[in-house]
């Protein structure tokens, strides 16, 4: 009997992990799968800290649990990547930040391998993740958008302001022409 209870608890714990992961997968804007084999605890902790500063979770999970958690989510398209040592980076806000941090870290730490990722239900390979990391961050894009939105009304108001001035110039030219003739 005791063996059955222990097995049941272990199975319950696994089911709980799967459900939590499935919920996180469904909320994530981007999920990136990495192989961390060969990284020591200090380096993994450093990577986790950098990711956490950008509100990105980094979880090391057994592949069987990752496969089960991916069922019924957008992440299922990359379940073939869940082989060997796997960790997932989950970004709920800025999809660019996780790609940027992981590619920069992998560039200086060759033991970290980026396997694949998912963005809006689309599978990402290494090249797509690298391209994503080259995009400006969410904050920069929002700033550019606000700048553009601010620039359009200002230019429009200048153009509208310019119309009466030009009209007055035309009327003045006509009046001067009439004075010169008459």
Protein backbone atom coordinates (compact mmCIF):
# COMPACT_ATOMS: atom_id res chain seq x y z
CA UNK A 1 0.00 0.00 0.00
CA UNK A 2 2.70 2.50 0.88
CA UNK A 3 4.30 2.11 -2.53
CA UNK A 4 0.95 2.90 -4.14
CA UNK A 5 0.52 6.09 -2.10
CA UNK A 6 4.04 7.28 -2.95
CA UNK A 7 3.48 6.57 -6.64
CA UNK A 8 0.14 8.38 -6.53
CA UNK A 9 1.69 11.45 -4.91
CA UNK A 10 4.49 11.49 -7.44
CA UNK A 11 1.98 11.18 -10.26
CA UNK A 12 -0.10 13.99 -8.70
CA UNK A 13 2.99 16.18 -8.49
CA UNK A 14 3.79 15.51 -12.16
CA UNK A 15 0.20 16.31 -13.16
CA UNK A 16 0.39 19.57 -11.21
CA UNK A 17 3.65 20.53 -12.97
CA UNK A 18 2.11 19.69 -16.36
CA UNK A 19 -0.98 21.80 -15.67
CA UNK A 20 1.11 24.77 -14.44
CA UNK A 21 3.34 24.55 -17.51
CA UNK A 22 0.36 24.28 -19.86
CA UNK A 23 -1.12 27.43 -18.31
CA UNK A 24 2.22 29.24 -18.65
CA UNK A 25 2.60 28.08 -22.26
CA UNK A 26 -0.85 29.47 -23.10
CA UNK A 27 -0.01 32.87 -21.53
CA UNK A 28 3.45 33.22 -23.06
CA UNK A 29 4.10 35.51 -26.01
CA UNK A 30 7.22 33.51 -26.86
CA UNK A 31 8.75 30.29 -25.61
CA UNK A 32 12.37 29.45 -26.38
CA UNK A 33 13.84 26.00 -25.72
CA UNK A 34 17.52 25.71 -24.81
CA UNK A 35 20.05 22.99 -24.07
CA UNK A 36 22.09 23.95 -21.01
CA UNK A 37 24.29 20.82 -20.87
CA UNK A 38 27.70 21.70 -19.49
CA UNK A 39 26.68 24.97 -17.82
CA UNK A 40 27.53 25.00 -14.14
CA UNK A 41 25.10 26.15 -11.45
CA UNK A 42 26.72 29.60 -11.25
CA UNK A 43 26.26 30.25 -14.98
CA UNK A 44 22.68 28.97 -15.01
CA UNK A 45 21.93 31.20 -12.00
CA UNK A 46 23.47 34.16 -13.82
CA UNK A 47 21.34 33.46 -16.90
CA UNK A 48 18.20 33.09 -14.77
CA UNK A 49 18.95 36.42 -13.06
CA UNK A 50 19.33 38.21 -16.39
CA UNK A 51 16.11 36.72 -17.69
CA UNK A 52 14.24 37.46 -14.45
CA UNK A 53 15.28 41.15 -14.69
CA UNK A 54 13.25 41.24 -17.92
CA UNK A 55 10.35 39.32 -16.34
CA UNK A 56 11.18 36.08 -18.17
CA UNK A 57 10.92 32.69 -16.49
CA UNK A 58 13.56 30.06 -17.16
CA UNK A 59 12.52 26.55 -16.19
CA UNK A 60 14.40 23.27 -16.35
CA UNK A 61 11.80 20.53 -16.82
CA UNK A 62 11.86 16.87 -17.78
CA UNK A 63 11.17 16.36 -21.47
CA UNK A 64 8.27 13.98 -20.85
CA UNK A 65 6.54 16.70 -18.81
CA UNK A 66 7.27 19.33 -21.46
CA UNK A 67 5.72 17.11 -24.14
CA UNK A 68 2.61 16.48 -22.01
CA UNK A 69 2.27 20.19 -21.10
CA UNK A 70 2.61 21.24 -24.75
CA UNK A 71 -0.40 19.16 -25.83
CA UNK A 72 -3.25 21.44 -26.86
CA UNK A 73 -1.06 24.57 -26.90
CA UNK A 74 0.90 26.45 -29.57
CA UNK A 75 4.06 24.91 -28.11
CA UNK A 76 3.14 21.48 -29.51
CA UNK A 77 4.70 22.51 -32.88
CA UNK A 78 8.19 22.22 -31.33
CA UNK A 79 7.78 19.21 -29.07
CA UNK A 80 10.43 17.47 -31.19
CA UNK A 81 12.93 19.84 -29.52
CA UNK A 82 12.28 18.30 -26.12
CA UNK A 83 15.26 15.94 -26.25
CA UNK A 84 18.38 15.99 -24.13
CA UNK A 85 18.72 18.56 -21.35
CA UNK A 86 15.94 21.10 -21.92
CA UNK A 87 15.02 24.37 -20.33
CA UNK A 88 12.32 26.76 -21.49
CA UNK A 89 12.35 30.56 -21.38
CA UNK A 90 8.82 31.92 -21.03
CA UNK A 91 8.19 35.56 -21.86
CA UNK A 92 4.77 36.99 -21.08
CA UNK A 93 5.39 40.60 -22.18
CA UNK A 94 8.22 41.29 -24.59
CA UNK A 95 8.98 38.53 -27.11
CA UNK A 96 12.19 40.26 -28.20
CA UNK A 97 13.77 40.40 -24.74
CA UNK A 98 14.10 36.65 -24.24
CA UNK A 99 15.54 36.14 -27.74
CA UNK A 100 17.99 39.00 -27.17
CA UNK A 101 19.19 37.80 -23.76
CA UNK A 102 19.51 34.15 -24.79
CA UNK A 103 21.35 34.83 -28.08
CA UNK A 104 23.75 37.24 -26.33
CA UNK A 105 24.38 34.72 -23.57
CA UNK A 106 24.84 31.85 -26.07
CA UNK A 107 27.34 33.97 -28.02
CA UNK A 108 29.62 34.30 -24.99
CA UNK A 109 28.81 30.91 -23.45
CA UNK A 110 29.07 28.21 -26.13
CA UNK A 111 27.61 25.51 -23.86
CA UNK A 112 24.18 27.15 -24.02
CA UNK A 113 22.45 25.99 -27.20
CA UNK A 114 19.22 27.49 -28.45
CA UNK A 115 17.12 24.65 -29.89
CA UNK A 116 13.90 26.29 -31.08
CA UNK A 117 11.04 28.53 -30.08
CA UNK A 118 7.43 29.47 -30.69
CA UNK A 119 6.00 32.92 -31.35
CA UNK A 120 2.25 33.28 -31.95
CA UNK A 121 1.93 29.60 -32.81
CA UNK A 122 4.77 29.67 -35.34
CA UNK A 123 7.85 27.53 -34.84
CA UNK A 124 11.14 29.45 -34.72
CA UNK A 125 14.50 27.97 -35.62
CA UNK A 126 17.88 29.42 -34.61
CA UNK A 127 17.88 31.93 -37.52
CA UNK A 128 14.38 33.19 -36.71
CA UNK A 129 15.27 33.57 -33.01
CA UNK A 130 18.46 35.45 -33.98
CA UNK A 131 16.41 37.73 -36.28
CA UNK A 132 13.91 38.30 -33.46
CA UNK A 133 16.77 39.24 -31.12
CA UNK A 134 17.92 41.91 -33.60
CA UNK A 135 14.58 43.75 -33.41
CA UNK A 136 14.24 46.74 -31.10
CA UNK A 137 12.73 46.04 -27.69
CA UNK A 138 9.06 46.62 -26.98
CA UNK A 139 9.84 49.90 -25.19
CA UNK A 140 11.87 51.22 -28.13
CA UNK A 141 9.13 50.23 -30.60
CA UNK A 142 6.47 51.94 -28.47
CA UNK A 143 8.63 55.06 -28.29
CA UNK A 144 9.05 55.06 -32.06
CA UNK A 145 5.31 54.60 -32.51
CA UNK A 146 4.51 57.46 -30.15
CA UNK A 147 7.05 59.65 -31.90
CA UNK A 148 5.50 58.87 -35.27
CA UNK A 149 2.00 59.43 -33.93
CA UNK A 150 3.08 62.75 -32.43
CA UNK A 151 4.90 63.80 -35.61
CA UNK A 152 1.91 63.30 -37.92
CA UNK A 153 -0.45 65.72 -36.13
CA UNK A 154 2.30 68.31 -35.76
CA UNK A 155 3.10 68.16 -39.49
CA UNK A 156 -0.62 68.24 -40.31
CA UNK A 157 -1.14 71.32 -38.13
CA UNK A 158 1.83 73.05 -39.76
CA UNK A 159 0.35 72.31 -43.19
CA UNK A 160 -3.05 73.61 -42.11
CA UNK A 161 -1.43 76.71 -40.63
CA UNK A 162 0.48 77.27 -43.85
CA UNK A 163 -2.68 77.38 -46.02
CA UNK A 164 -3.99 80.77 -44.77
CA UNK A 165 -0.50 82.27 -44.96
CA UNK A 166 -0.10 81.16 -48.58
CA UNK A 167 -3.62 82.35 -49.38
CA UNK A 168 -2.81 85.78 -47.95
CA UNK A 169 0.42 85.85 -49.98
CA UNK A 170 -1.56 85.08 -53.17
CA UNK A 171 -4.12 87.78 -52.36
CA UNK A 172 -1.28 90.25 -51.66
CA UNK A 173 0.35 89.39 -55.00
CA UNK A 174 -2.96 89.89 -56.83
CA UNK A 175 -3.50 93.24 -55.09
CA UNK A 176 0.04 94.39 -56.01
CA UNK A 177 -0.53 93.28 -59.59
CA UNK A 178 -3.77 95.24 -59.81
CA UNK A 179 -2.10 98.33 -58.32
CA UNK A 180 0.71 98.09 -60.87
CA UNK A 181 -1.78 97.80 -63.78
CA UNK A 182 -4.22 100.41 -62.52
